[in-house]
Amino acid sequence: MQHTLVALVQDRPGVLNRAVSVFRRRSINIESLTVERTEQSGISRMTWVVSTDDLPSIVAQLEKLIDVLEVYEVRAAEFPGASPSRAVAMAEAMGAGAPSSSLAAAQADGAA
């Protein structure tokens, strides 16, 4: 089953390597990976799309990494009518404290 995971991490050298190693050790292919800075200085957001049935242990291992602040799964069902990529964009907008009008516009754009 395909899952979209988002992690907020410290923006430090080596964090991406340690996080990706969690997937590598379990031989899980990363279908998509995006890393971007957030509005908070020193914090980055990593977004992975992976196919696995072992999601709880992956999340637990990511949460154990020192530089990882938060890990959560984004589910398209939480954003009816949105594609998985649009659901991630809307979840990130909500996490960034985007005005509700921006979120409503993104949802309306997805319905069109």
PDB file of N, CA and C in Angstrom:
ATOM      1  N   MET A   1       0.838  -1.179   0.000  1.00  0.00           N
ATOM      2  CA  MET A   1       0.000   0.000   0.000  1.00  0.00           C
ATOM      3  C   MET A   1       0.886   1.247   0.000  1.00  0.00           C
ATOM      4  N   GLN A   2       0.467   2.262  -0.731  1.00  0.00           N
ATOM      5  CA  GLN A   2       1.249   3.490  -0.850  1.00  0.00           C
ATOM      6  C   GLN A   2       0.901   4.452   0.290  1.00  0.00           C
ATOM      7  N   HIS A   3       1.942   5.033   0.899  1.00  0.00           N
ATOM      8  CA  HIS A   3       1.783   5.960   2.014  1.00  0.00           C
ATOM      9  C   HIS A   3       2.590   7.220   1.756  1.00  0.00           C
ATOM     10  N   THR A   4       2.089   8.343   2.255  1.00  0.00           N
ATOM     11  CA  THR A   4       2.812   9.604   2.197  1.00  0.00           C
ATOM     12  C   THR A   4       3.154  10.010   3.624  1.00  0.00           C
ATOM     13  N   LEU A   5       4.449  10.106   3.890  1.00  0.00           N
ATOM     14  CA  LEU A   5       4.937  10.484   5.217  1.00  0.00           C
ATOM     15  C   LEU A   5       5.573  11.864   5.158  1.00  0.00           C
ATOM     16  N   VAL A   6       5.369  12.643   6.190  1.00  0.00           N
ATOM     17  CA  VAL A   6       5.972  13.964   6.305  1.00  0.00           C
ATOM     18  C   VAL A   6       6.709  14.022   7.635  1.00  0.00           C
ATOM     19  N   ALA A   7       7.936  14.538   7.608  1.00  0.00           N
ATOM     20  CA  ALA A   7       8.722  14.696   8.828  1.00  0.00           C
ATOM     21  C   ALA A   7       9.256  16.119   8.902  1.00  0.00           C
ATOM     22  N   LEU A   8       9.141  16.715  10.065  1.00  0.00           N
ATOM     23  CA  LEU A   8       9.788  17.994  10.322  1.00  0.00           C
ATOM     24  C   LEU A   8      11.106  17.671  11.004  1.00  0.00           C
ATOM     25  N   VAL A   9      12.191  18.205  10.458  1.00  0.00           N
ATOM     26  CA  VAL A   9      13.531  17.850  10.933  1.00  0.00           C
ATOM     27  C   VAL A   9      14.379  19.101  11.133  1.00  0.00           C
ATOM     28  N   GLN A  10      15.431  18.948  11.932  1.00  0.00           N
ATOM     29  CA  GLN A  10      16.422  20.007  12.076  1.00  0.00           C
ATOM     30  C   GLN A  10      17.161  20.131  10.741  1.00  0.00           C
ATOM     31  N   ASP A  11      17.434  21.338  10.310  1.00  0.00           N
ATOM     32  CA  ASP A  11      18.137  21.574   9.049  1.00  0.00           C
ATOM     33  C   ASP A  11      19.645  21.507   9.317  1.00  0.00           C
ATOM     34  N   ARG A  12      20.163  20.264   9.337  1.00  0.00           N
ATOM     35  CA  ARG A  12      21.573  20.024   9.636  1.00  0.00           C
ATOM     36  C   ARG A  12      22.146  19.034   8.630  1.00  0.00           C
ATOM     37  N   PRO A  13      23.461  19.072   8.409  1.00  0.00           N
ATOM     38  CA  PRO A  13      24.084  18.096   7.510  1.00  0.00           C
ATOM     39  C   PRO A  13      23.906  16.669   8.046  1.00  0.00           C
ATOM     40  N   GLY A  14      23.612  15.729   7.148  1.00  0.00           N
ATOM     41  CA  GLY A  14      23.507  14.326   7.501  1.00  0.00           C
ATOM     42  C   GLY A  14      22.120  13.848   7.886  1.00  0.00           C
ATOM     43  N   VAL A  15      21.180  14.761   8.109  1.00  0.00           N
ATOM     44  CA  VAL A  15      19.837  14.363   8.529  1.00  0.00           C
ATOM     45  C   VAL A  15      19.143  13.564   7.420  1.00  0.00           C
ATOM     46  N   LEU A  16      19.240  14.022   6.188  1.00  0.00           N
ATOM     47  CA  LEU A  16      18.618  13.304   5.075  1.00  0.00           C
ATOM     48  C   LEU A  16      19.194  11.892   4.954  1.00  0.00           C
ATOM     49  N   ASN A  17      20.505  11.764   5.058  1.00  0.00           N
ATOM     50  CA  ASN A  17      21.139  10.450   4.951  1.00  0.00           C
ATOM     51  C   ASN A  17      20.641   9.495   6.035  1.00  0.00           C
ATOM     52  N   ARG A  18      20.558   9.968   7.272  1.00  0.00           N
ATOM     53  CA  ARG A  18      20.094   9.108   8.359  1.00  0.00           C
ATOM     54  C   ARG A  18      18.633   8.718   8.171  1.00  0.00           C
ATOM     55  N   ALA A  19      17.812   9.652   7.709  1.00  0.00           N
ATOM     56  CA  ALA A  19      16.392   9.353   7.509  1.00  0.00           C
ATOM     57  C   ALA A  19      16.194   8.350   6.370  1.00  0.00           C
ATOM     58  N   VAL A  20      16.895   8.551   5.266  1.00  0.00           N
ATOM     59  CA  VAL A  20      16.762   7.643   4.128  1.00  0.00           C
ATOM     60  C   VAL A  20      17.286   6.256   4.487  1.00  0.00           C
ATOM     61  N   SER A  21      18.263   6.180   5.370  1.00  0.00           N
ATOM     62  CA  SER A  21      18.804   4.888   5.794  1.00  0.00           C
ATOM     63  C   SER A  21      17.761   4.022   6.495  1.00  0.00           C
ATOM     64  N   VAL A  22      16.771   4.640   7.131  1.00  0.00           N
ATOM     65  CA  VAL A  22      15.687   3.878   7.761  1.00  0.00           C
ATOM     66  C   VAL A  22      14.955   3.055   6.696  1.00  0.00           C
ATOM     67  N   PHE A  23      14.717   3.646   5.541  1.00  0.00           N
ATOM     68  CA  PHE A  23      14.046   2.939   4.446  1.00  0.00           C
ATOM     69  C   PHE A  23      14.987   1.923   3.796  1.00  0.00           C
ATOM     70  N   ARG A  24      16.254   2.319   3.611  1.00  0.00           N
ATOM     71  CA  ARG A  24      17.227   1.438   2.971  1.00  0.00           C
ATOM     72  C   ARG A  24      17.425   0.147   3.747  1.00  0.00           C
ATOM     73  N   ARG A  25      17.538   0.249   5.073  1.00  0.00           N
ATOM     74  CA  ARG A  25      17.760  -0.947   5.899  1.00  0.00           C
ATOM     75  C   ARG A  25      16.616  -1.946   5.775  1.00  0.00           C
ATOM     76  N   ARG A  26      15.426  -1.481   5.449  1.00  0.00           N
ATOM     77  CA  ARG A  26      14.270  -2.370   5.303  1.00  0.00           C
ATOM     78  C   ARG A  26      13.975  -2.700   3.833  1.00  0.00           C
ATOM     79  N   SER A  27      14.859  -2.280   2.947  1.00  0.00           N
ATOM     80  CA  SER A  27      14.699  -2.516   1.499  1.00  0.00           C
ATOM     81  C   SER A  27      13.370  -1.965   0.976  1.00  0.00           C
ATOM     82  N   ILE A  28      13.009  -0.771   1.441  1.00  0.00           N
ATOM     83  CA  ILE A  28      11.789  -0.113   0.986  1.00  0.00           C
ATOM     84  C   ILE A  28      12.173   0.932  -0.045  1.00  0.00           C
ATOM     85  N   ASN A  29      11.570   0.830  -1.218  1.00  0.00           N
ATOM     86  CA  ASN A  29      11.842   1.782  -2.289  1.00  0.00           C
ATOM     87  C   ASN A  29      11.098   3.091  -2.013  1.00  0.00           C
ATOM     88  N   ILE A  30      11.805   4.198  -2.129  1.00  0.00           N
ATOM     89  CA  ILE A  30      11.192   5.519  -1.991  1.00  0.00           C
ATOM     90  C   ILE A  30      10.742   5.942  -3.387  1.00  0.00           C
ATOM     91  N   GLU A  31       9.445   6.077  -3.560  1.00  0.00           N
ATOM     92  CA  GLU A  31       8.896   6.437  -4.863  1.00  0.00           C
ATOM     93  C   GLU A  31       9.020   7.929  -5.139  1.00  0.00           C
ATOM     94  N   SER A  32       8.978   8.726  -4.081  1.00  0.00           N
ATOM     95  CA  SER A  32       9.109  10.170  -4.226  1.00  0.00           C
ATOM     96  C   SER A  32       9.693  10.727  -2.927  1.00  0.00           C
ATOM     97  N   LEU A  33      10.565  11.721  -3.065  1.00  0.00           N
ATOM     98  CA  LEU A  33      11.181  12.367  -1.905  1.00  0.00           C
ATOM     99  C   LEU A  33      11.313  13.854  -2.201  1.00  0.00           C
ATOM    100  N   THR A  34      10.820  14.658  -1.263  1.00  0.00           N
ATOM    101  CA  THR A  34      10.942  16.107  -1.377  1.00  0.00           C
ATOM    102  C   THR A  34      11.451  16.650  -0.053  1.00  0.00           C
ATOM    103  N   VAL A  35      12.422  17.554  -0.124  1.00  0.00           N
ATOM    104  CA  VAL A  35      12.933  18.215   1.072  1.00  0.00           C
ATOM    105  C   VAL A  35      12.871  19.709   0.813  1.00  0.00           C
ATOM    106  N   GLU A  36      12.316  20.440   1.778  1.00  0.00           N
ATOM    107  CA  GLU A  36      12.209  21.888   1.626  1.00  0.00           C
ATOM    108  C   GLU A  36      12.308  22.560   2.985  1.00  0.00           C
ATOM    109  N   ARG A  37      12.742  23.784   2.968  1.00  0.00           N
ATOM    110  CA  ARG A  37      12.784  24.565   4.203  1.00  0.00           C
ATOM    111  C   ARG A  37      11.375  24.995   4.558  1.00  0.00           C
ATOM    112  N   THR A  38      11.150  25.182   5.847  1.00  0.00           N
ATOM    113  CA  THR A  38       9.855  25.678   6.301  1.00  0.00           C
ATOM    114  C   THR A  38       9.985  27.159   6.623  1.00  0.00           C
ATOM    115  N   GLU A  39       8.890  27.747   7.079  1.00  0.00           N
ATOM    116  CA  GLU A  39       8.920  29.158   7.448  1.00  0.00           C
ATOM    117  C   GLU A  39       9.705  29.379   8.735  1.00  0.00           C
ATOM    118  N   GLN A  40       9.961  28.299   9.479  1.00  0.00           N
ATOM    119  CA  GLN A  40      10.751  28.394  10.717  1.00  0.00           C
ATOM    120  C   GLN A  40      12.221  28.193  10.382  1.00  0.00           C
ATOM    121  N   SER A  41      13.049  29.099  10.802  1.00  0.00           N
ATOM    122  CA  SER A  41      14.481  29.008  10.553  1.00  0.00           C
ATOM    123  C   SER A  41      15.053  27.750  11.219  1.00  0.00           C
ATOM    124  N   GLY A  42      15.861  26.998  10.464  1.00  0.00           N
ATOM    125  CA  GLY A  42      16.512  25.814  11.002  1.00  0.00           C
ATOM    126  C   GLY A  42      15.689  24.549  10.961  1.00  0.00           C
ATOM    127  N   ILE A  43      14.481  24.617  10.393  1.00  0.00           N
ATOM    128  CA  ILE A  43      13.589  23.457  10.303  1.00  0.00           C
ATOM    129  C   ILE A  43      13.292  23.174   8.827  1.00  0.00           C
ATOM    130  N   SER A  44      13.388  21.904   8.435  1.00  0.00           N
ATOM    131  CA  SER A  44      13.047  21.479   7.075  1.00  0.00           C
ATOM    132  C   SER A  44      11.935  20.451   7.130  1.00  0.00           C
ATOM    133  N   ARG A  45      11.252  20.296   6.000  1.00  0.00           N
ATOM    134  CA  ARG A  45      10.179  19.325   5.864  1.00  0.00           C
ATOM    135  C   ARG A  45      10.598  18.288   4.835  1.00  0.00           C
ATOM    136  N   MET A  46      10.567  17.005   5.212  1.00  0.00           N
ATOM    137  CA  MET A  46      10.829  15.908   4.289  1.00  0.00           C
ATOM    138  C   MET A  46       9.513  15.204   4.018  1.00  0.00           C
ATOM    139  N   THR A  47       9.239  14.963   2.743  1.00  0.00           N
ATOM    140  CA  THR A  47       8.022  14.267   2.354  1.00  0.00           C
ATOM    141  C   THR A  47       8.412  13.061   1.513  1.00  0.00           C
ATOM    142  N   TRP A  48       7.992  11.863   1.945  1.00  0.00           N
ATOM    143  CA  TRP A  48       8.276  10.627   1.224  1.00  0.00           C
ATOM    144  C   TRP A  48       6.974   9.998   0.780  1.00  0.00           C
ATOM    145  N   VAL A  49       7.001   9.375  -0.400  1.00  0.00           N
ATOM    146  CA  VAL A  49       5.934   8.486  -0.839  1.00  0.00           C
ATOM    147  C   VAL A  49       6.581   7.119  -0.956  1.00  0.00           C
ATOM    148  N   VAL A  50       6.057   6.151  -0.187  1.00  0.00           N
ATOM    149  CA  VAL A  50       6.625   4.807  -0.158  1.00  0.00           C
ATOM    150  C   VAL A  50       5.498   3.776  -0.210  1.00  0.00           C
ATOM    151  N   SER A  51       5.841   2.589  -0.691  1.00  0.00           N
ATOM    152  CA  SER A  51       4.910   1.460  -0.663  1.00  0.00           C
ATOM    153  C   SER A  51       5.427   0.463   0.352  1.00  0.00           C
ATOM    154  N   THR A  52       4.665   0.280   1.416  1.00  0.00           N
ATOM    155  CA  THR A  52       5.060  -0.659   2.471  1.00  0.00           C
ATOM    156  C   THR A  52       3.843  -1.044   3.297  1.00  0.00           C
ATOM    157  N   ASP A  53       3.924  -2.219   3.895  1.00  0.00           N
ATOM    158  CA  ASP A  53       2.900  -2.654   4.844  1.00  0.00           C
ATOM    159  C   ASP A  53       3.391  -2.485   6.278  1.00  0.00           C
ATOM    160  N   ASP A  54       4.613  -2.004   6.429  1.00  0.00           N
ATOM    161  CA  ASP A  54       5.258  -1.910   7.735  1.00  0.00           C
ATOM    162  C   ASP A  54       5.380  -0.455   8.202  1.00  0.00           C
ATOM    163  N   LEU A  55       4.341   0.325   7.992  1.00  0.00           N
ATOM    164  CA  LEU A  55       4.397   1.758   8.284  1.00  0.00           C
ATOM    165  C   LEU A  55       4.640   2.087   9.760  1.00  0.00           C
ATOM    166  N   PRO A  56       3.980   1.426  10.712  1.00  0.00           N
ATOM    167  CA  PRO A  56       4.200   1.804  12.116  1.00  0.00           C
ATOM    168  C   PRO A  56       5.666   1.701  12.554  1.00  0.00           C
ATOM    169  N   SER A  57       6.376   0.664  12.116  1.00  0.00           N
ATOM    170  CA  SER A  57       7.775   0.547  12.537  1.00  0.00           C
ATOM    171  C   SER A  57       8.656   1.574  11.837  1.00  0.00           C
ATOM    172  N   ILE A  58       8.319   1.941  10.611  1.00  0.00           N
ATOM    173  CA  ILE A  58       9.067   2.988   9.900  1.00  0.00           C
ATOM    174  C   ILE A  58       8.921   4.310  10.655  1.00  0.00           C
ATOM    175  N   VAL A  59       7.687   4.657  11.001  1.00  0.00           N
ATOM    176  CA  VAL A  59       7.431   5.905  11.731  1.00  0.00           C
ATOM    177  C   VAL A  59       8.163   5.885  13.071  1.00  0.00           C
ATOM    178  N   ALA A  60       8.116   4.763  13.766  1.00  0.00           N
ATOM    179  CA  ALA A  60       8.791   4.655  15.061  1.00  0.00           C
ATOM    180  C   ALA A  60      10.296   4.855  14.921  1.00  0.00           C
ATOM    181  N   GLN A  61      10.888   4.271  13.881  1.00  0.00           N
ATOM    182  CA  GLN A  61      12.328   4.425  13.675  1.00  0.00           C
ATOM    183  C   GLN A  61      12.680   5.857  13.314  1.00  0.00           C
ATOM    184  N   LEU A  62      11.875   6.507  12.480  1.00  0.00           N
ATOM    185  CA  LEU A  62      12.132   7.901  12.128  1.00  0.00           C
ATOM    186  C   LEU A  62      12.043   8.792  13.368  1.00  0.00           C
ATOM    187  N   GLU A  63      11.048   8.536  14.221  1.00  0.00           N
ATOM    188  CA  GLU A  63      10.875   9.349  15.423  1.00  0.00           C
ATOM    189  C   GLU A  63      12.038   9.202  16.397  1.00  0.00           C
ATOM    190  N   LYS A  64      12.766   8.093  16.336  1.00  0.00           N
ATOM    191  CA  LYS A  64      13.911   7.876  17.224  1.00  0.00           C
ATOM    192  C   LYS A  64      15.136   8.682  16.818  1.00  0.00           C
ATOM    193  N   LEU A  65      15.178   9.142  15.567  1.00  0.00           N
ATOM    194  CA  LEU A  65      16.320   9.925  15.110  1.00  0.00           C
ATOM    195  C   LEU A  65      16.344  11.266  15.851  1.00  0.00           C
ATOM    196  N   ILE A  66      17.506  11.643  16.304  1.00  0.00           N
ATOM    197  CA  ILE A  66      17.651  12.828  17.145  1.00  0.00           C
ATOM    198  C   ILE A  66      17.163  14.104  16.457  1.00  0.00           C
ATOM    199  N   ASP A  67      17.473  14.263  15.179  1.00  0.00           N
ATOM    200  CA  ASP A  67      17.134  15.505  14.479  1.00  0.00           C
ATOM    201  C   ASP A  67      15.702  15.549  13.956  1.00  0.00           C
ATOM    202  N   VAL A  68      14.934  14.491  14.147  1.00  0.00           N
ATOM    203  CA  VAL A  68      13.547  14.455  13.684  1.00  0.00           C
ATOM    204  C   VAL A  68      12.643  14.993  14.791  1.00  0.00           C
ATOM    205  N   LEU A  69      11.864  16.006  14.462  1.00  0.00           N
ATOM    206  CA  LEU A  69      10.990  16.648  15.441  1.00  0.00           C
ATOM    207  C   LEU A  69       9.595  16.036  15.459  1.00  0.00           C
ATOM    208  N   GLU A  70       9.077  15.666  14.268  1.00  0.00           N
ATOM    209  CA  GLU A  70       7.713  15.160  14.157  1.00  0.00           C
ATOM    210  C   GLU A  70       7.588  14.354  12.868  1.00  0.00           C
ATOM    211  N   VAL A  71       6.836  13.256  12.926  1.00  0.00           N
ATOM    212  CA  VAL A  71       6.558  12.438  11.746  1.00  0.00           C
ATOM    213  C   VAL A  71       5.065  12.158  11.722  1.00  0.00           C
ATOM    214  N   TYR A  72       4.436  12.300  10.555  1.00  0.00           N
ATOM    215  CA  TYR A  72       3.025  11.955  10.440  1.00  0.00           C
ATOM    216  C   TYR A  72       2.728  11.498   9.018  1.00  0.00           C
ATOM    217  N   GLU A  73       1.637  10.752   8.884  1.00  0.00           N
ATOM    218  CA  GLU A  73       1.191  10.286   7.571  1.00  0.00           C
ATOM    219  C   GLU A  73       0.098  11.223   7.083  1.00  0.00           C
ATOM    220  N   VAL A  74       0.151  11.563   5.807  1.00  0.00           N
ATOM    221  CA  VAL A  74      -0.888  12.366   5.178  1.00  0.00           C
ATOM    222  C   VAL A  74      -1.766  11.402   4.402  1.00  0.00           C
ATOM    223  N   ARG A  75      -3.048  11.443   4.686  1.00  0.00           N
ATOM    224  CA  ARG A  75      -3.993  10.552   4.011  1.00  0.00           C
ATOM    225  C   ARG A  75      -4.901  11.378   3.124  1.00  0.00           C
ATOM    226  N   ALA A  76      -5.048  10.940   1.873  1.00  0.00           N
ATOM    227  CA  ALA A  76      -5.904  11.660   0.921  1.00  0.00           C
ATOM    228  C   ALA A  76      -7.341  11.687   1.409  1.00  0.00           C
ATOM    229  N   ALA A  77      -7.767  10.695   2.201  1.00  0.00           N
ATOM    230  CA  ALA A  77      -9.136  10.647   2.715  1.00  0.00           C
ATOM    231  C   ALA A  77      -9.438  11.841   3.618  1.00  0.00           C
ATOM    232  N   GLU A  78      -8.393  12.436   4.205  1.00  0.00           N
ATOM    233  CA  GLU A  78      -8.585  13.601   5.064  1.00  0.00           C
ATOM    234  C   GLU A  78      -8.904  14.851   4.245  1.00  0.00           C
ATOM    235  N   PHE A  79      -8.676  14.775   2.929  1.00  0.00           N
ATOM    236  CA  PHE A  79      -8.926  15.900   2.031  1.00  0.00           C
ATOM    237  C   PHE A  79      -9.763  15.383   0.862  1.00  0.00           C
ATOM    238  N   PRO A  80     -11.079  15.214   1.046  1.00  0.00           N
ATOM    239  CA  PRO A  80     -11.929  14.617   0.010  1.00  0.00           C
ATOM    240  C   PRO A  80     -11.785  15.332  -1.328  1.00  0.00           C
ATOM    241  N   GLY A  81     -11.701  14.541  -2.390  1.00  0.00           N
ATOM    242  CA  GLY A  81     -11.608  15.077  -3.739  1.00  0.00           C
ATOM    243  C   GLY A  81     -10.211  15.488  -4.154  1.00  0.00           C
ATOM    244  N   ALA A  82      -9.251  15.378  -3.256  1.00  0.00           N
ATOM    245  CA  ALA A  82      -7.885  15.805  -3.558  1.00  0.00           C
ATOM    246  C   ALA A  82      -7.033  14.604  -3.956  1.00  0.00           C
ATOM    247  N   SER A  83      -6.153  14.827  -4.918  1.00  0.00           N
ATOM    248  CA  SER A  83      -5.174  13.803  -5.266  1.00  0.00           C
ATOM    249  C   SER A  83      -4.174  13.704  -4.124  1.00  0.00           C
ATOM    250  N   PRO A  84      -3.398  12.604  -4.038  1.00  0.00           N
ATOM    251  CA  PRO A  84      -2.413  12.515  -2.951  1.00  0.00           C
ATOM    252  C   PRO A  84      -1.445  13.692  -2.916  1.00  0.00           C
ATOM    253  N   SER A  85      -0.965  14.142  -4.084  1.00  0.00           N
ATOM    254  CA  SER A  85      -0.021  15.263  -4.078  1.00  0.00           C
ATOM    255  C   SER A  85      -0.692  16.557  -3.626  1.00  0.00           C
ATOM    256  N   ARG A  86      -1.944  16.749  -4.013  1.00  0.00           N
ATOM    257  CA  ARG A  86      -2.678  17.941  -3.579  1.00  0.00           C
ATOM    258  C   ARG A  86      -2.958  17.865  -2.081  1.00  0.00           C
ATOM    259  N   ALA A  87      -3.240  16.652  -1.566  1.00  0.00           N
ATOM    260  CA  ALA A  87      -3.478  16.478  -0.135  1.00  0.00           C
ATOM    261  C   ALA A  87      -2.232  16.857   0.656  1.00  0.00           C
ATOM    262  N   VAL A  88      -1.056  16.479   0.154  1.00  0.00           N
ATOM    263  CA  VAL A  88       0.191  16.848   0.827  1.00  0.00           C
ATOM    264  C   VAL A  88       0.342  18.356   0.826  1.00  0.00           C
ATOM    265  N   ALA A  89       0.078  19.001  -0.305  1.00  0.00           N
ATOM    266  CA  ALA A  89       0.209  20.448  -0.400  1.00  0.00           C
ATOM    267  C   ALA A  89      -0.743  21.147   0.575  1.00  0.00           C
ATOM    268  N   MET A  90      -1.978  20.640   0.667  1.00  0.00           N
ATOM    269  CA  MET A  90      -2.931  21.257   1.586  1.00  0.00           C
ATOM    270  C   MET A  90      -2.524  21.016   3.037  1.00  0.00           C
ATOM    271  N   ALA A  91      -2.034  19.813   3.351  1.00  0.00           N
ATOM    272  CA  ALA A  91      -1.593  19.530   4.723  1.00  0.00           C
ATOM    273  C   ALA A  91      -0.418  20.422   5.098  1.00  0.00           C
ATOM    274  N   GLU A  92       0.512  20.624   4.162  1.00  0.00           N
ATOM    275  CA  GLU A  92       1.654  21.482   4.432  1.00  0.00           C
ATOM    276  C   GLU A  92       1.205  22.919   4.622  1.00  0.00           C
ATOM    277  N   ALA A  93       0.221  23.355   3.835  1.00  0.00           N
ATOM    278  CA  ALA A  93      -0.294  24.719   3.981  1.00  0.00           C
ATOM    279  C   ALA A  93      -0.937  24.895   5.348  1.00  0.00           C
ATOM    280  N   MET A  94      -1.664  23.884   5.802  1.00  0.00           N
ATOM    281  CA  MET A  94      -2.288  23.958   7.123  1.00  0.00           C
ATOM    282  C   MET A  94      -1.223  24.004   8.211  1.00  0.00           C
ATOM    283  N   GLY A  95      -0.170  23.208   8.055  1.00  0.00           N
ATOM    284  CA  GLY A  95       0.910  23.175   9.039  1.00  0.00           C
ATOM    285  C   GLY A  95       1.684  24.473   9.070  1.00  0.00           C
ATOM    286  N   ALA A  96       1.712  25.178   7.944  1.00  0.00           N
ATOM    287  CA  ALA A  96       2.444  26.429   7.866  1.00  0.00           C
ATOM    288  C   ALA A  96       1.625  27.603   8.393  1.00  0.00           C
ATOM    289  N   GLY A  97       0.396  27.312   8.811  1.00  0.00           N
ATOM    290  CA  GLY A  97      -0.451  28.379   9.322  1.00  0.00           C
ATOM    291  C   GLY A  97      -0.994  29.253   8.209  1.00  0.00           C
ATOM    292  N   ALA A  98      -1.235  28.651   7.044  1.00  0.00           N
ATOM    293  CA  ALA A  98      -1.772  29.408   5.919  1.00  0.00           C
ATOM    294  C   ALA A  98      -3.179  29.901   6.251  1.00  0.00           C
ATOM    295  N   PRO A  99      -3.534  31.067   5.751  1.00  0.00           N
ATOM    296  CA  PRO A  99      -4.884  31.568   5.989  1.00  0.00           C
ATOM    297  C   PRO A  99      -5.912  30.597   5.427  1.00  0.00           C
ATOM    298  N   SER A 100      -7.063  30.505   6.073  1.00  0.00           N
ATOM    299  CA  SER A 100      -8.086  29.566   5.630  1.00  0.00           C
ATOM    300  C   SER A 100      -8.530  29.855   4.204  1.00  0.00           C
ATOM    301  N   SER A 101      -8.435  31.104   3.760  1.00  0.00           N
ATOM    302  CA  SER A 101      -8.820  31.429   2.386  1.00  0.00           C
ATOM    303  C   SER A 101      -7.871  30.769   1.388  1.00  0.00           C
ATOM    304  N   SER A 102      -6.576  30.666   1.729  1.00  0.00           N
ATOM    305  CA  SER A 102      -5.617  29.989   0.863  1.00  0.00           C
ATOM    306  C   SER A 102      -5.919  28.511   0.785  1.00  0.00           C
ATOM    307  N   LEU A 103      -6.288  27.908   1.926  1.00  0.00           N
ATOM    308  CA  LEU A 103      -6.613  26.492   1.948  1.00  0.00           C
ATOM    309  C   LEU A 103      -7.898  26.253   1.171  1.00  0.00           C
ATOM    310  N   ALA A 104      -8.891  27.111   1.337  1.00  0.00           N
ATOM    311  CA  ALA A 104     -10.153  26.964   0.604  1.00  0.00           C
ATOM    312  C   ALA A 104      -9.919  27.083  -0.886  1.00  0.00           C
ATOM    313  N   ALA A 105      -9.038  27.990  -1.300  1.00  0.00           N
ATOM    314  CA  ALA A 105      -8.725  28.144  -2.729  1.00  0.00           C
ATOM    315  C   ALA A 105      -8.050  26.900  -3.274  1.00  0.00           C
ATOM    316  N   ALA A 106      -7.146  26.305  -2.501  1.00  0.00           N
ATOM    317  CA  ALA A 106      -6.477  25.075  -2.940  1.00  0.00           C
ATOM    318  C   ALA A 106      -7.464  23.931  -3.059  1.00  0.00           C
ATOM    319  N   GLN A 107      -8.430  23.843  -2.130  1.00  0.00           N
ATOM    320  CA  GLN A 107      -9.439  22.801  -2.181  1.00  0.00           C
ATOM    321  C   GLN A 107     -10.365  23.015  -3.373  1.00  0.00           C
ATOM    322  N   ALA A 108     -10.747  24.255  -3.631  1.00  0.00           N
ATOM    323  CA  ALA A 108     -11.626  24.561  -4.755  1.00  0.00           C
ATOM    324  C   ALA A 108     -10.923  24.252  -6.070  1.00  0.00           C
ATOM    325  N   ASP A 109      -9.632  24.549  -6.150  1.00  0.00           N
ATOM    326  CA  ASP A 109      -8.859  24.261  -7.347  1.00  0.00           C
ATOM    327  C   ASP A 109      -8.815  22.758  -7.608  1.00  0.00           C
ATOM    328  N   GLY A 110      -8.769  21.954  -6.551  1.00  0.00           N
ATOM    329  CA  GLY A 110      -8.722  20.503  -6.687  1.00  0.00           C
ATOM    330  C   GLY A 110     -10.051  19.939  -7.139  1.00  0.00           C
ATOM    331  N   ALA A 111     -11.148  20.617  -6.833  1.00  0.00           N
ATOM    332  CA  ALA A 111     -12.473  20.134  -7.231  1.00  0.00           C
ATOM    333  C   ALA A 111     -12.757  20.413  -8.689  1.00  0.00           C
ATOM    334  N   ALA A 112     -12.020  21.364  -9.270  1.00  0.00           N
ATOM    335  CA  ALA A 112     -12.285  21.749 -10.664  1.00  0.00           C
ATOM    336  C   ALA A 112     -11.742  20.721 -11.644  1.00  0.00           C
TER     337      ALA A 112
END
